[in-house]
Structures are given as C-alpha cells and as structure tokens.
Amino acid sequence: MTRHSPLEVAGKPIAILPGQYTASAGEMTVISFLGLGNIKLFGPSTLGVPTGKSNLALPDSAIISLTSSVC
C-alpha cells in the first residue's frame, strides 16, 4: 500500500477563474474546491448547466429531473 503525503500547496490560497462558459464538469470542479475554505473565485458566474442530474419516473408516467449541484 502506498502512503501519500499532503501536497506542499495544501492550505495555501487558491484562485479559481471560472467564466460565463464554464459548464457541467467544469462547474463540478469549482464546486469540489469550494469546501476547502482557502478558495477565492474571480470572474462572472458560470453557465449554470446542471451537473449531477437524476431523472425520476413518477407514478403518472411523468419524469422529474432533479439537479444536485450547480455552481
């Protein structure tokens, strides 16, 4: 089993520059960094394309699409 050491940059400030065309997996990448606390976002809001979407069939044959994460 390999043991990994924390990166030397751990705990240092991180700047993320998303743009108006950042979408889907790019938005998920931004979201994954937000919980670190040492993140600063610069630039416009992302495109807002749903990521982590689940389609659920309802008893009346309708389908509802739920998004679990959007930046």
Protein backbone atom coordinates (compact mmCIF):
# COMPACT_ATOMS: atom_id res chain seq x y z
CA MET A 1 0.00 0.00 0.00
CA THR A 2 1.32 3.42 -0.92
CA ARG A 3 1.17 6.28 1.56
CA HIS A 4 0.71 9.76 0.19
CA SER A 5 1.86 12.94 1.88
CA PRO A 6 -0.20 16.13 1.73
CA LEU A 7 0.74 18.38 -1.16
CA GLU A 8 3.12 21.22 -0.35
CA VAL A 9 0.44 23.64 -1.52
CA ALA A 10 -2.15 22.34 0.94
CA GLY A 11 -3.61 25.19 2.98
CA LYS A 12 -2.30 27.90 0.65
CA PRO A 13 -4.72 30.28 -1.10
CA ILE A 14 -6.18 29.05 -4.40
CA ALA A 15 -7.67 31.35 -7.05
CA ILE A 16 -10.22 29.94 -9.49
CA LEU A 17 -11.21 31.88 -12.59
CA PRO A 18 -14.44 30.39 -13.97
CA GLY A 19 -16.12 32.12 -16.87
CA GLN A 20 -19.58 32.52 -18.31
CA TYR A 21 -19.00 29.43 -20.47
CA THR A 22 -17.74 27.20 -17.64
CA ALA A 23 -20.30 24.39 -17.56
CA SER A 24 -21.06 20.86 -16.43
CA ALA A 25 -17.84 19.10 -15.31
CA GLY A 26 -16.07 22.47 -15.09
CA GLU A 27 -18.71 23.65 -12.62
CA MET A 28 -18.34 20.42 -10.66
CA THR A 29 -14.60 21.07 -10.40
CA VAL A 30 -15.29 24.54 -8.98
CA ILE A 31 -17.80 23.09 -6.51
CA SER A 32 -15.29 20.48 -5.36
CA PHE A 33 -12.83 23.22 -4.35
CA LEU A 34 -15.37 25.42 -2.52
CA GLY A 35 -15.36 23.32 0.65
CA LEU A 36 -11.65 23.92 1.25
CA GLY A 37 -12.11 27.42 2.66
CA ASN A 38 -8.94 28.85 1.08
CA ILE A 39 -10.60 29.44 -2.30
CA LYS A 40 -11.33 32.77 -3.99
CA LEU A 41 -13.48 32.88 -7.13
CA PHE A 42 -12.88 35.64 -9.69
CA GLY A 43 -14.90 36.41 -12.80
CA PRO A 44 -18.51 36.05 -13.87
CA SER A 45 -20.93 33.34 -12.80
CA THR A 46 -20.67 30.00 -14.53
CA LEU A 47 -23.12 28.92 -17.23
CA GLY A 48 -25.35 27.15 -14.69
CA VAL A 49 -25.68 23.90 -16.61
CA PRO A 50 -26.98 21.13 -14.36
CA THR A 51 -24.43 18.67 -13.01
CA GLY A 52 -25.26 15.56 -11.04
CA LYS A 53 -28.71 15.30 -12.57
CA SER A 54 -31.07 12.43 -11.79
CA ASN A 55 -34.24 11.63 -13.74
CA LEU A 56 -37.01 10.08 -11.66
CA ALA A 57 -40.10 8.43 -13.10
CA LEU A 58 -43.32 9.41 -11.32
CA PRO A 59 -46.36 7.12 -10.87
CA ASP A 60 -48.35 9.06 -13.50
CA SER A 61 -45.61 8.35 -16.14
CA ALA A 62 -44.21 11.88 -15.87
CA ILE A 63 -40.48 12.34 -15.33
CA ILE A 64 -38.89 14.84 -12.97
CA SER A 65 -35.27 15.85 -13.39
CA LEU A 66 -33.51 16.80 -10.13
CA THR A 67 -30.16 18.55 -10.09
CA SER A 68 -27.99 18.02 -7.04
CA SER A 69 -25.26 20.56 -7.82
CA VAL A 70 -24.91 23.77 -9.82
CA CYS A 71 -22.33 26.48 -9.28
